[in-house]
Amino acid sequence: MNVAALEGVVPVLPTPLTEDLQIDEAGVRHLVRFCVERGFSSLVVLGSTGEFPYLSFDEKQRVMTIAAEEASGRIPVIGTASAMGTSEAVALARAAKAAGCQAVMAAVPLYFQLGLDAILGQLATIAREGGLPTFYYHYPDVTGLVLPPHAFEAIAGVDGVIGAKVTVTNECFLRKVIERTRSSEFRVFAGTSFLLACCLESEGAGVFCPLPLLAPDEVTALVAASRRGDRREARRIETGLLGAAPILSGLSLPVPVQKWAFRLLSRAPYRVGRRPVSTVGLVKEALRLRGHPITTAVRPPCSPLDEAQRRLVRRTLDRLGWTHEAAVRDRLPGTRRSKG
């Protein structure tokens, strides 16, 4: 598949770890096979859910190699070029290309504040010297890089930068980015399935998100409804997906309250929020309970799950009816069960 024309559902994979916090190769291979089996458009390794800030360069290279090898050209693999420094970002992009990835996604975490020209320079250098099509990863709450929608016009004009994952909770911001880049072939993806219907209604490309791993049928159905012009059905499915908010927020507030809060934020004037805490462990626990053979281990300094968090995940899945996924085990021979 030509990644420059990528659209639809692109799961962002967690990085499975063994109990002693090493890369779990079998777990990585399993998740890649699952993405292939479910017919997803592509997959991302080493995004925020993949814990890229906490893995060594060699570990990142290994994860990209394992994923590309397991995908074996059946589905495009998007690796990472996310780094604070340009030289490391380029080295990661080159490692992704050597591993067999078809593209990279690049966040630009900040220490000192940088101007737009510096950001454009880093992205241009990654694409040119890394040798792979590049998606810009915009996640201002985490990276500290705050850009207005019109800045994406300049990003869309950088040779080799073919799209962006826009992780915000604001519909207006997402729509403006899509509108500003519509005249180009730049592909704009929502960074959350909770704004997927909005993205598709605005003629965006789709979603980069971990939620499709938990709810593959629902997210795929949302895209299908949107493509046939059934906006009401797409929004109905999206509202149902919001029931998974506790897993991605880590908050134990009642689900109706979290749904209301998200909808309020999505329609309120845009502003950058507080830096979020990692919920990767909760995502891994949810995947484990759905039948995926991975542990809930996360790389320090992130904290392991406590019992309250485990109960929150199980309660959320039970409410959604997602607790058991026999199809995970039935479709993928050799799948092993894992302890949390």
C-alpha atoms as a PDB file:
ATOM      1  CA  MET A   1       0.000   0.000   0.000  1.00  0.00           C
ATOM      2  CA  ASN A   2       1.132   3.536  -0.781  1.00  0.00           C
ATOM      3  CA  VAL A   3       1.393   5.200   2.637  1.00  0.00           C
ATOM      4  CA  ALA A   4       0.981   8.605   0.997  1.00  0.00           C
ATOM      5  CA  ALA A   5      -2.644   7.556   0.324  1.00  0.00           C
ATOM      6  CA  LEU A   6      -3.166   5.979   3.743  1.00  0.00           C
ATOM      7  CA  GLU A   7      -6.617   6.265   5.302  1.00  0.00           C
ATOM      8  CA  GLY A   8      -8.903   4.506   7.744  1.00  0.00           C
ATOM      9  CA  VAL A   9      -8.024   2.737  10.976  1.00  0.00           C
ATOM     10  CA  VAL A  10      -4.389   2.673  12.098  1.00  0.00           C
ATOM     11  CA  PRO A  11      -3.875   1.076  15.547  1.00  0.00           C
ATOM     12  CA  VAL A  12      -1.072   2.384  17.739  1.00  0.00           C
ATOM     13  CA  LEU A  13       0.514  -0.627  19.428  1.00  0.00           C
ATOM     14  CA  PRO A  14       1.751  -0.778  23.000  1.00  0.00           C
ATOM     15  CA  THR A  15       5.193  -2.321  23.383  1.00  0.00           C
ATOM     16  CA  PRO A  16       4.717  -5.653  25.185  1.00  0.00           C
ATOM     17  CA  LEU A  17       7.258  -6.248  27.930  1.00  0.00           C
ATOM     18  CA  THR A  18       8.174  -9.350  29.880  1.00  0.00           C
ATOM     19  CA  GLU A  19       7.818  -9.395  33.652  1.00  0.00           C
ATOM     20  CA  ASP A  20      11.491  -8.394  33.927  1.00  0.00           C
ATOM     21  CA  LEU A  21      10.806  -5.396  31.634  1.00  0.00           C
ATOM     22  CA  GLN A  22      12.527  -6.665  28.490  1.00  0.00           C
ATOM     23  CA  ILE A  23      10.987  -6.490  25.010  1.00  0.00           C
ATOM     24  CA  ASP A  24       8.472  -9.318  24.610  1.00  0.00           C
ATOM     25  CA  GLU A  25       9.095 -10.390  21.014  1.00  0.00           C
ATOM     26  CA  ALA A  26       6.245 -12.904  20.980  1.00  0.00           C
ATOM     27  CA  GLY A  27       3.872 -10.223  22.260  1.00  0.00           C
ATOM     28  CA  VAL A  28       4.925  -7.764  19.548  1.00  0.00           C
ATOM     29  CA  ARG A  29       4.470 -10.427  16.880  1.00  0.00           C
ATOM     30  CA  HIS A  30       1.047 -11.337  18.213  1.00  0.00           C
ATOM     31  CA  LEU A  31      -0.233  -7.751  18.073  1.00  0.00           C
ATOM     32  CA  VAL A  32       1.082  -7.310  14.532  1.00  0.00           C
ATOM     33  CA  ARG A  33      -0.623 -10.535  13.437  1.00  0.00           C
ATOM     34  CA  PHE A  34      -3.834  -9.338  15.037  1.00  0.00           C
ATOM     35  CA  CYS A  35      -3.681  -6.083  13.033  1.00  0.00           C
ATOM     36  CA  VAL A  36      -3.103  -8.015   9.820  1.00  0.00           C
ATOM     37  CA  GLU A  37      -5.951 -10.421  10.622  1.00  0.00           C
ATOM     38  CA  ARG A  38      -8.383  -7.583  11.326  1.00  0.00           C
ATOM     39  CA  GLY A  39      -7.556  -5.859   8.044  1.00  0.00           C
ATOM     40  CA  PHE A  40      -6.409  -2.555   9.490  1.00  0.00           C
ATOM     41  CA  SER A  41      -4.936  -0.017   7.073  1.00  0.00           C
ATOM     42  CA  SER A  42      -1.548   0.114   8.797  1.00  0.00           C
ATOM     43  CA  LEU A  43      -0.072   0.040  12.298  1.00  0.00           C
ATOM     44  CA  VAL A  44       2.166   2.264  14.405  1.00  0.00           C
ATOM     45  CA  VAL A  45       4.863   1.089  16.783  1.00  0.00           C
ATOM     46  CA  LEU A  46       6.629   3.262  19.344  1.00  0.00           C
ATOM     47  CA  GLY A  47       4.086   6.022  19.630  1.00  0.00           C
ATOM     48  CA  SER A  48       3.153   7.337  23.067  1.00  0.00           C
ATOM     49  CA  THR A  49       1.305   4.081  23.782  1.00  0.00           C
ATOM     50  CA  GLY A  50       4.480   2.282  22.693  1.00  0.00           C
ATOM     51  CA  GLU A  51       6.453   4.018  25.483  1.00  0.00           C
ATOM     52  CA  PHE A  52       9.053   5.419  23.095  1.00  0.00           C
ATOM     53  CA  PRO A  53      10.497   7.928  25.606  1.00  0.00           C
ATOM     54  CA  TYR A  54      11.492   5.119  27.973  1.00  0.00           C
ATOM     55  CA  LEU A  55      13.120   2.668  25.565  1.00  0.00           C
ATOM     56  CA  SER A  56      16.729   2.714  24.438  1.00  0.00           C
ATOM     57  CA  PHE A  57      17.709   3.308  20.826  1.00  0.00           C
ATOM     58  CA  ASP A  58      18.582  -0.383  20.417  1.00  0.00           C
ATOM     59  CA  GLU A  59      15.234  -1.430  21.866  1.00  0.00           C
ATOM     60  CA  LYS A  60      13.366   0.857  19.488  1.00  0.00           C
ATOM     61  CA  GLN A  61      15.327  -0.552  16.579  1.00  0.00           C
ATOM     62  CA  ARG A  62      14.488  -4.078  17.707  1.00  0.00           C
ATOM     63  CA  VAL A  63      10.752  -3.377  18.061  1.00  0.00           C
ATOM     64  CA  MET A  64      10.639  -1.872  14.559  1.00  0.00           C
ATOM     65  CA  THR A  65      12.551  -4.831  13.130  1.00  0.00           C
ATOM     66  CA  ILE A  66      10.278  -7.400  14.786  1.00  0.00           C
ATOM     67  CA  ALA A  67       7.109  -5.591  13.690  1.00  0.00           C
ATOM     68  CA  ALA A  68       8.214  -5.152  10.082  1.00  0.00           C
ATOM     69  CA  GLU A  69       9.421  -8.726   9.885  1.00  0.00           C
ATOM     70  CA  GLU A  70       6.122 -10.069  11.227  1.00  0.00           C
ATOM     71  CA  ALA A  71       4.048  -7.815   8.960  1.00  0.00           C
ATOM     72  CA  SER A  72       6.118  -9.007   6.004  1.00  0.00           C
ATOM     73  CA  GLY A  73       4.629  -6.436   3.639  1.00  0.00           C
ATOM     74  CA  ARG A  74       1.046  -7.489   4.343  1.00  0.00           C
ATOM     75  CA  ILE A  75       0.376  -4.213   6.157  1.00  0.00           C
ATOM     76  CA  PRO A  76       2.494  -1.040   6.277  1.00  0.00           C
ATOM     77  CA  VAL A  77       4.401  -0.512   9.521  1.00  0.00           C
ATOM     78  CA  ILE A  78       4.977   3.041  10.712  1.00  0.00           C
ATOM     79  CA  GLY A  79       8.027   3.320  12.962  1.00  0.00           C
ATOM     80  CA  THR A  80       9.302   6.180  15.082  1.00  0.00           C
ATOM     81  CA  ALA A  81      11.511   9.198  14.507  1.00  0.00           C
ATOM     82  CA  SER A  82      10.426  10.957  17.691  1.00  0.00           C
ATOM     83  CA  ALA A  83      13.343  12.587  19.506  1.00  0.00           C
ATOM     84  CA  MET A  84      14.318  15.924  21.019  1.00  0.00           C
ATOM     85  CA  GLY A  85      17.445  16.236  18.879  1.00  0.00           C
ATOM     86  CA  THR A  86      17.568  16.218  15.090  1.00  0.00           C
ATOM     87  CA  SER A  87      20.501  13.805  14.805  1.00  0.00           C
ATOM     88  CA  GLU A  88      18.799  11.161  16.953  1.00  0.00           C
ATOM     89  CA  ALA A  89      15.533  11.607  15.066  1.00  0.00           C
ATOM     90  CA  VAL A  90      17.334  11.034  11.767  1.00  0.00           C
ATOM     91  CA  ALA A  91      19.127   8.008  13.175  1.00  0.00           C
ATOM     92  CA  LEU A  92      15.786   6.544  14.249  1.00  0.00           C
ATOM     93  CA  ALA A  93      14.292   7.168  10.819  1.00  0.00           C
ATOM     94  CA  ARG A  94      17.237   5.425   9.197  1.00  0.00           C
ATOM     95  CA  ALA A  95      16.868   2.534  11.621  1.00  0.00           C
ATOM     96  CA  ALA A  96      13.177   2.312  10.724  1.00  0.00           C
ATOM     97  CA  LYS A  97      14.025   2.146   7.038  1.00  0.00           C
ATOM     98  CA  ALA A  98      16.670  -0.516   7.621  1.00  0.00           C
ATOM     99  CA  ALA A  99      14.144  -2.487   9.687  1.00  0.00           C
ATOM    100  CA  GLY A 100      11.658  -2.524   6.815  1.00  0.00           C
ATOM    101  CA  CYS A 101       9.159   0.106   7.992  1.00  0.00           C
ATOM    102  CA  GLN A 102       7.278   1.994   5.274  1.00  0.00           C
ATOM    103  CA  ALA A 103       7.076   5.342   7.113  1.00  0.00           C
ATOM    104  CA  VAL A 104       7.862   7.045  10.410  1.00  0.00           C
ATOM    105  CA  MET A 105       5.911   9.203  12.823  1.00  0.00           C
ATOM    106  CA  ALA A 106       7.833  12.061  14.405  1.00  0.00           C
ATOM    107  CA  ALA A 107       6.912  13.985  17.527  1.00  0.00           C
ATOM    108  CA  VAL A 108       9.130  16.932  18.459  1.00  0.00           C
ATOM    109  CA  PRO A 109       9.351  17.036  22.283  1.00  0.00           C
ATOM    110  CA  LEU A 110      10.677  20.341  23.550  1.00  0.00           C
ATOM    111  CA  TYR A 111      13.135  21.476  26.179  1.00  0.00           C
ATOM    112  CA  PHE A 112      13.755  25.032  25.006  1.00  0.00           C
ATOM    113  CA  GLN A 113      10.948  26.686  23.083  1.00  0.00           C
ATOM    114  CA  LEU A 114      11.524  26.539  19.320  1.00  0.00           C
ATOM    115  CA  GLY A 115      10.082  28.619  16.519  1.00  0.00           C
ATOM    116  CA  LEU A 116       8.113  27.183  13.622  1.00  0.00           C
ATOM    117  CA  ASP A 117      11.125  27.451  11.286  1.00  0.00           C
ATOM    118  CA  ALA A 118      13.142  25.190  13.591  1.00  0.00           C
ATOM    119  CA  ILE A 119      10.310  22.647  13.722  1.00  0.00           C
ATOM    120  CA  LEU A 120       9.967  22.694   9.947  1.00  0.00           C
ATOM    121  CA  GLY A 121      13.724  22.239   9.666  1.00  0.00           C
ATOM    122  CA  GLN A 122      13.708  19.188  11.910  1.00  0.00           C
ATOM    123  CA  LEU A 123      10.822  17.570  10.022  1.00  0.00           C
ATOM    124  CA  ALA A 124      12.452  18.322   6.654  1.00  0.00           C
ATOM    125  CA  THR A 125      15.744  16.830   7.789  1.00  0.00           C
ATOM    126  CA  ILE A 126      14.047  13.681   9.128  1.00  0.00           C
ATOM    127  CA  ALA A 127      12.202  13.134   5.851  1.00  0.00           C
ATOM    128  CA  ARG A 128      15.191  13.938   3.631  1.00  0.00           C
ATOM    129  CA  GLU A 129      17.996  12.213   5.499  1.00  0.00           C
ATOM    130  CA  GLY A 130      15.920   9.447   7.072  1.00  0.00           C
ATOM    131  CA  GLY A 131      14.675   8.341   3.683  1.00  0.00           C
ATOM    132  CA  LEU A 132      11.074   7.507   4.632  1.00  0.00           C
ATOM    133  CA  PRO A 133       7.714   9.284   4.302  1.00  0.00           C
ATOM    134  CA  THR A 134       7.093  11.102   7.561  1.00  0.00           C
ATOM    135  CA  PHE A 135       3.973  11.786   9.618  1.00  0.00           C
ATOM    136  CA  TYR A 136       4.157  14.685  12.046  1.00  0.00           C
ATOM    137  CA  TYR A 137       2.843  13.727  15.503  1.00  0.00           C
ATOM    138  CA  HIS A 138       1.126  16.707  17.122  1.00  0.00           C
ATOM    139  CA  TYR A 139       0.449  16.105  20.820  1.00  0.00           C
ATOM    140  CA  PRO A 140       0.884  19.483  22.525  1.00  0.00           C
ATOM    141  CA  ASP A 141      -0.284  18.361  25.981  1.00  0.00           C
ATOM    142  CA  VAL A 142       2.706  16.001  26.146  1.00  0.00           C
ATOM    143  CA  THR A 143       5.415  17.498  23.934  1.00  0.00           C
ATOM    144  CA  GLY A 144       4.941  21.121  24.937  1.00  0.00           C
ATOM    145  CA  LEU A 145       4.904  22.126  21.272  1.00  0.00           C
ATOM    146  CA  VAL A 146       1.875  24.368  20.723  1.00  0.00           C
ATOM    147  CA  LEU A 147       1.071  25.266  17.121  1.00  0.00           C
ATOM    148  CA  PRO A 148      -1.951  27.056  15.630  1.00  0.00           C
ATOM    149  CA  PRO A 149      -3.918  25.347  12.841  1.00  0.00           C
ATOM    150  CA  HIS A 150      -2.415  27.596  10.154  1.00  0.00           C
ATOM    151  CA  ALA A 151       1.076  26.246  10.973  1.00  0.00           C
ATOM    152  CA  PHE A 152       0.011  22.957   9.432  1.00  0.00           C
ATOM    153  CA  GLU A 153      -0.082  24.637   6.014  1.00  0.00           C
ATOM    154  CA  ALA A 154       3.681  25.079   6.311  1.00  0.00           C
ATOM    155  CA  ILE A 155       4.147  21.520   7.619  1.00  0.00           C
ATOM    156  CA  ALA A 156       2.126  20.184   4.703  1.00  0.00           C
ATOM    157  CA  GLY A 157       4.533  21.962   2.372  1.00  0.00           C
ATOM    158  CA  VAL A 158       7.620  20.143   3.668  1.00  0.00           C
ATOM    159  CA  ASP A 159       8.919  17.605   1.159  1.00  0.00           C
ATOM    160  CA  GLY A 160       8.455  14.081   2.422  1.00  0.00           C
ATOM    161  CA  VAL A 161       6.072  15.005   5.265  1.00  0.00           C
ATOM    162  CA  ILE A 162       2.881  13.345   4.099  1.00  0.00           C
ATOM    163  CA  GLY A 163       0.488  13.742   7.014  1.00  0.00           C
ATOM    164  CA  ALA A 164      -0.114  14.318  10.685  1.00  0.00           C
ATOM    165  CA  LYS A 165      -1.593  12.634  13.716  1.00  0.00           C
ATOM    166  CA  VAL A 166      -3.380  15.398  15.597  1.00  0.00           C
ATOM    167  CA  THR A 167      -3.917  14.388  19.227  1.00  0.00           C
ATOM    168  CA  VAL A 168      -6.197  17.043  20.652  1.00  0.00           C
ATOM    169  CA  THR A 169      -9.649  16.816  22.208  1.00  0.00           C
ATOM    170  CA  ASN A 170     -11.043  19.784  20.304  1.00  0.00           C
ATOM    171  CA  GLU A 171     -13.246  19.361  17.230  1.00  0.00           C
ATOM    172  CA  CYS A 172     -12.745  22.949  16.052  1.00  0.00           C
ATOM    173  CA  PHE A 173      -8.947  22.654  16.067  1.00  0.00           C
ATOM    174  CA  LEU A 174      -9.062  19.356  14.176  1.00  0.00           C
ATOM    175  CA  ARG A 175     -11.485  20.721  11.587  1.00  0.00           C
ATOM    176  CA  LYS A 176      -9.332  23.814  11.054  1.00  0.00           C
ATOM    177  CA  VAL A 177      -6.195  21.707  10.483  1.00  0.00           C
ATOM    178  CA  ILE A 178      -8.037  19.627   7.898  1.00  0.00           C
ATOM    179  CA  GLU A 179      -9.431  22.745   6.238  1.00  0.00           C
ATOM    180  CA  ARG A 180      -6.008  24.453   6.142  1.00  0.00           C
ATOM    181  CA  THR A 181      -4.365  21.467   4.437  1.00  0.00           C
ATOM    182  CA  ARG A 182      -7.219  20.343   2.186  1.00  0.00           C
ATOM    183  CA  SER A 183      -5.688  21.780  -0.992  1.00  0.00           C
ATOM    184  CA  SER A 184      -2.670  19.487  -0.610  1.00  0.00           C
ATOM    185  CA  GLU A 185      -2.372  15.699  -0.414  1.00  0.00           C
ATOM    186  CA  PHE A 186      -1.505  15.975   3.272  1.00  0.00           C
ATOM    187  CA  ARG A 187      -3.284  13.267   5.321  1.00  0.00           C
ATOM    188  CA  VAL A 188      -4.755  14.385   8.650  1.00  0.00           C
ATOM    189  CA  PHE A 189      -5.573  11.686  11.211  1.00  0.00           C
ATOM    190  CA  ALA A 190      -7.351  12.161  14.514  1.00  0.00           C
ATOM    191  CA  GLY A 191      -5.280  11.037  17.477  1.00  0.00           C
ATOM    192  CA  THR A 192      -8.321   9.636  19.278  1.00  0.00           C
ATOM    193  CA  SER A 193     -11.189   7.449  18.122  1.00  0.00           C
ATOM    194  CA  PHE A 194     -13.463   9.728  20.148  1.00  0.00           C
ATOM    195  CA  LEU A 195     -13.058  12.339  17.354  1.00  0.00           C
ATOM    196  CA  LEU A 196     -12.991   9.907  14.446  1.00  0.00           C
ATOM    197  CA  ALA A 197     -16.502  10.764  13.246  1.00  0.00           C
ATOM    198  CA  CYS A 198     -15.636  14.470  13.320  1.00  0.00           C
ATOM    199  CA  CYS A 199     -12.421  13.815  11.402  1.00  0.00           C
ATOM    200  CA  LEU A 200     -14.155  11.832   8.662  1.00  0.00           C
ATOM    201  CA  GLU A 201     -17.056  14.299   8.387  1.00  0.00           C
ATOM    202  CA  SER A 202     -14.451  17.014   7.775  1.00  0.00           C
ATOM    203  CA  GLU A 203     -12.759  14.908   5.066  1.00  0.00           C
ATOM    204  CA  GLY A 204      -9.843  13.875   7.242  1.00  0.00           C
ATOM    205  CA  ALA A 205      -8.101  10.561   6.626  1.00  0.00           C
ATOM    206  CA  GLY A 206      -8.929   8.461   9.711  1.00  0.00           C
ATOM    207  CA  VAL A 207      -7.423   7.693  13.088  1.00  0.00           C
ATOM    208  CA  PHE A 208      -4.119   6.693  14.712  1.00  0.00           C
ATOM    209  CA  CYS A 209      -5.125   5.322  18.126  1.00  0.00           C
ATOM    210  CA  PRO A 210      -4.777   2.284  20.434  1.00  0.00           C
ATOM    211  CA  LEU A 211      -8.558   1.894  20.873  1.00  0.00           C
ATOM    212  CA  PRO A 212      -9.038  -0.142  17.656  1.00  0.00           C
ATOM    213  CA  LEU A 213      -7.041  -2.943  19.296  1.00  0.00           C
ATOM    214  CA  LEU A 214      -9.720  -3.121  21.997  1.00  0.00           C
ATOM    215  CA  ALA A 215     -12.748  -2.462  19.792  1.00  0.00           C
ATOM    216  CA  PRO A 216     -11.839  -3.461  16.231  1.00  0.00           C
ATOM    217  CA  ASP A 217     -15.408  -4.156  15.117  1.00  0.00           C
ATOM    218  CA  GLU A 218     -16.796  -0.927  16.517  1.00  0.00           C
ATOM    219  CA  VAL A 219     -14.105   1.374  15.109  1.00  0.00           C
ATOM    220  CA  THR A 220     -14.239  -0.332  11.718  1.00  0.00           C
ATOM    221  CA  ALA A 221     -18.039  -0.010  11.700  1.00  0.00           C
ATOM    222  CA  LEU A 222     -17.746   3.697  12.487  1.00  0.00           C
ATOM    223  CA  VAL A 223     -15.523   4.219   9.447  1.00  0.00           C
ATOM    224  CA  ALA A 224     -17.884   2.192   7.247  1.00  0.00           C
ATOM    225  CA  ALA A 225     -20.905   4.223   8.410  1.00  0.00           C
ATOM    226  CA  SER A 226     -19.103   7.478   7.713  1.00  0.00           C
ATOM    227  CA  ARG A 227     -18.031   6.359   4.254  1.00  0.00           C
ATOM    228  CA  ARG A 228     -21.600   5.517   3.259  1.00  0.00           C
ATOM    229  CA  GLY A 229     -22.754   8.910   4.530  1.00  0.00           C
ATOM    230  CA  ASP A 230     -24.581   7.681   7.626  1.00  0.00           C
ATOM    231  CA  ARG A 231     -23.415  10.349  10.050  1.00  0.00           C
ATOM    232  CA  ARG A 232     -26.027   9.503  12.661  1.00  0.00           C
ATOM    233  CA  GLU A 233     -24.808   5.912  12.885  1.00  0.00           C
ATOM    234  CA  ALA A 234     -21.175   7.021  12.963  1.00  0.00           C
ATOM    235  CA  ARG A 235     -21.883   9.393  15.853  1.00  0.00           C
ATOM    236  CA  ARG A 236     -23.884   6.695  17.668  1.00  0.00           C
ATOM    237  CA  ILE A 237     -20.935   4.309  17.494  1.00  0.00           C
ATOM    238  CA  GLU A 238     -18.543   7.043  18.558  1.00  0.00           C
ATOM    239  CA  THR A 239     -20.704   7.794  21.608  1.00  0.00           C
ATOM    240  CA  GLY A 240     -20.561   4.111  22.514  1.00  0.00           C
ATOM    241  CA  LEU A 241     -16.782   4.117  22.217  1.00  0.00           C
ATOM    242  CA  LEU A 242     -16.659   6.946  24.747  1.00  0.00           C
ATOM    243  CA  GLY A 243     -17.607   4.315  27.302  1.00  0.00           C
ATOM    244  CA  ALA A 244     -13.947   3.259  27.150  1.00  0.00           C
ATOM    245  CA  ALA A 245     -12.836   6.690  28.388  1.00  0.00           C
ATOM    246  CA  PRO A 246     -11.760   5.463  31.863  1.00  0.00           C
ATOM    247  CA  ILE A 247      -9.136   3.169  30.284  1.00  0.00           C
ATOM    248  CA  LEU A 248      -7.603   6.016  28.311  1.00  0.00           C
ATOM    249  CA  SER A 249      -7.993   8.700  30.975  1.00  0.00           C
ATOM    250  CA  GLY A 250      -7.269   6.633  34.076  1.00  0.00           C
ATOM    251  CA  LEU A 251     -10.083   8.470  35.876  1.00  0.00           C
ATOM    252  CA  SER A 252     -12.595   6.613  38.022  1.00  0.00           C
ATOM    253  CA  LEU A 253     -15.303   9.235  37.547  1.00  0.00           C
ATOM    254  CA  PRO A 254     -18.671   7.852  36.397  1.00  0.00           C
ATOM    255  CA  VAL A 255     -18.677   7.151  32.665  1.00  0.00           C
ATOM    256  CA  PRO A 256     -21.602   9.527  31.937  1.00  0.00           C
ATOM    257  CA  VAL A 257     -19.603  12.317  33.582  1.00  0.00           C
ATOM    258  CA  GLN A 258     -16.523  11.506  31.506  1.00  0.00           C
ATOM    259  CA  LYS A 259     -18.588  11.404  28.312  1.00  0.00           C
ATOM    260  CA  TRP A 260     -20.128  14.770  29.158  1.00  0.00           C
ATOM    261  CA  ALA A 261     -16.724  16.257  30.004  1.00  0.00           C
ATOM    262  CA  PHE A 262     -15.162  15.054  26.770  1.00  0.00           C
ATOM    263  CA  ARG A 263     -18.016  16.421  24.661  1.00  0.00           C
ATOM    264  CA  LEU A 264     -17.764  19.740  26.496  1.00  0.00           C
ATOM    265  CA  LEU A 265     -14.007  19.942  25.913  1.00  0.00           C
ATOM    266  CA  SER A 266     -14.371  18.925  22.284  1.00  0.00           C
ATOM    267  CA  ARG A 267     -16.691  21.852  21.591  1.00  0.00           C
ATOM    268  CA  ALA A 268     -15.229  24.481  23.918  1.00  0.00           C
ATOM    269  CA  PRO A 269     -12.647  27.070  22.781  1.00  0.00           C
ATOM    270  CA  TYR A 270      -9.344  25.310  22.187  1.00  0.00           C
ATOM    271  CA  ARG A 271      -6.611  25.395  24.788  1.00  0.00           C
ATOM    272  CA  VAL A 272      -3.740  23.117  25.716  1.00  0.00           C
ATOM    273  CA  GLY A 273      -4.529  21.072  28.810  1.00  0.00           C
ATOM    274  CA  ARG A 274      -2.515  19.753  31.706  1.00  0.00           C
ATOM    275  CA  ARG A 275       0.156  17.182  30.954  1.00  0.00           C
ATOM    276  CA  PRO A 276      -1.609  13.790  31.119  1.00  0.00           C
ATOM    277  CA  VAL A 277      -0.435  10.792  33.093  1.00  0.00           C
ATOM    278  CA  SER A 278       0.452   7.597  31.260  1.00  0.00           C
ATOM    279  CA  THR A 279      -2.367   5.064  30.955  1.00  0.00           C
ATOM    280  CA  VAL A 280      -0.350   2.530  28.963  1.00  0.00           C
ATOM    281  CA  GLY A 281      -0.626   0.002  31.791  1.00  0.00           C
ATOM    282  CA  LEU A 282      -4.416   0.283  31.720  1.00  0.00           C
ATOM    283  CA  VAL A 283      -4.446  -0.269  27.964  1.00  0.00           C
ATOM    284  CA  LYS A 284      -2.252  -3.337  28.369  1.00  0.00           C
ATOM    285  CA  GLU A 285      -4.517  -4.700  31.113  1.00  0.00           C
ATOM    286  CA  ALA A 286      -7.560  -4.170  28.901  1.00  0.00           C
ATOM    287  CA  LEU A 287      -5.856  -6.013  26.047  1.00  0.00           C
ATOM    288  CA  ARG A 288      -4.867  -8.829  28.389  1.00  0.00           C
ATOM    289  CA  LEU A 289      -8.453  -9.197  29.595  1.00  0.00           C
ATOM    290  CA  ARG A 290      -9.635  -9.271  25.998  1.00  0.00           C
ATOM    291  CA  GLY A 291      -7.448 -12.303  25.365  1.00  0.00           C
ATOM    292  CA  HIS A 292      -4.218 -10.786  24.073  1.00  0.00           C
ATOM    293  CA  PRO A 293      -1.176 -12.641  25.478  1.00  0.00           C
ATOM    294  CA  ILE A 294       0.725  -9.713  26.952  1.00  0.00           C
ATOM    295  CA  THR A 295       1.635  -8.574  30.446  1.00  0.00           C
ATOM    296  CA  THR A 296       0.741  -5.255  32.011  1.00  0.00           C
ATOM    297  CA  ALA A 297       4.388  -4.385  32.661  1.00  0.00           C
ATOM    298  CA  VAL A 298       5.439  -0.821  31.853  1.00  0.00           C
ATOM    299  CA  ARG A 299       8.884   0.694  31.714  1.00  0.00           C
ATOM    300  CA  PRO A 300       9.951   2.916  34.652  1.00  0.00           C
ATOM    301  CA  PRO A 301       9.635   5.686  35.589  1.00  0.00           C
ATOM    302  CA  CYS A 302       5.979   4.894  34.885  1.00  0.00           C
ATOM    303  CA  SER A 303       4.365   3.035  37.764  1.00  0.00           C
ATOM    304  CA  PRO A 304       2.937  -0.493  37.550  1.00  0.00           C
ATOM    305  CA  LEU A 305      -0.806  -0.956  37.864  1.00  0.00           C
ATOM    306  CA  ASP A 306      -2.337  -1.092  41.291  1.00  0.00           C
ATOM    307  CA  GLU A 307      -5.423  -3.074  42.227  1.00  0.00           C
ATOM    308  CA  ALA A 308      -7.744  -0.079  41.978  1.00  0.00           C
ATOM    309  CA  GLN A 309      -6.633   0.478  38.384  1.00  0.00           C
ATOM    310  CA  ARG A 310      -7.120  -3.189  37.542  1.00  0.00           C
ATOM    311  CA  ARG A 311     -10.637  -3.039  38.946  1.00  0.00           C
ATOM    312  CA  LEU A 312     -11.328   0.118  36.935  1.00  0.00           C
ATOM    313  CA  VAL A 313     -10.297  -1.610  33.708  1.00  0.00           C
ATOM    314  CA  ARG A 314     -12.345  -4.739  34.390  1.00  0.00           C
ATOM    315  CA  ARG A 315     -15.385  -2.710  35.424  1.00  0.00           C
ATOM    316  CA  THR A 316     -15.136  -0.617  32.241  1.00  0.00           C
ATOM    317  CA  LEU A 317     -14.822  -3.669  30.000  1.00  0.00           C
ATOM    318  CA  ASP A 318     -17.687  -5.443  31.775  1.00  0.00           C
ATOM    319  CA  ARG A 319     -19.905  -2.411  31.258  1.00  0.00           C
ATOM    320  CA  LEU A 320     -19.069  -2.393  27.551  1.00  0.00           C
ATOM    321  CA  GLY A 321     -19.350  -6.167  27.165  1.00  0.00           C
ATOM    322  CA  TRP A 322     -15.731  -6.364  26.001  1.00  0.00           C
ATOM    323  CA  THR A 323     -14.236  -8.523  28.740  1.00  0.00           C
ATOM    324  CA  HIS A 324     -13.583 -11.680  26.740  1.00  0.00           C
ATOM    325  CA  GLU A 325     -12.435 -11.858  23.107  1.00  0.00           C
ATOM    326  CA  ALA A 326     -12.419 -15.537  22.207  1.00  0.00           C
ATOM    327  CA  ALA A 327     -11.754 -14.526  18.609  1.00  0.00           C
ATOM    328  CA  VAL A 328      -8.275 -13.361  19.602  1.00  0.00           C
ATOM    329  CA  ARG A 329      -7.368 -16.883  20.645  1.00  0.00           C
ATOM    330  CA  ASP A 330      -9.343 -18.700  17.948  1.00  0.00           C
ATOM    331  CA  ARG A 331      -7.982 -16.738  14.984  1.00  0.00           C
ATOM    332  CA  LEU A 332      -4.357 -16.740  15.982  1.00  0.00           C
ATOM    333  CA  PRO A 333      -3.037 -20.266  16.592  1.00  0.00           C
ATOM    334  CA  GLY A 334      -0.292 -20.528  19.169  1.00  0.00           C
ATOM    335  CA  THR A 335      -1.562 -17.615  21.249  1.00  0.00           C
ATOM    336  CA  ARG A 336      -0.518 -17.988  24.861  1.00  0.00           C
ATOM    337  CA  ARG A 337      -2.293 -16.608  27.876  1.00  0.00           C
ATOM    338  CA  SER A 338      -0.310 -14.237  30.031  1.00  0.00           C
ATOM    339  CA  LYS A 339      -0.373 -13.318  33.657  1.00  0.00           C
ATOM    340  CA  GLY A 340      -0.798  -9.646  34.452  1.00  0.00           C
END
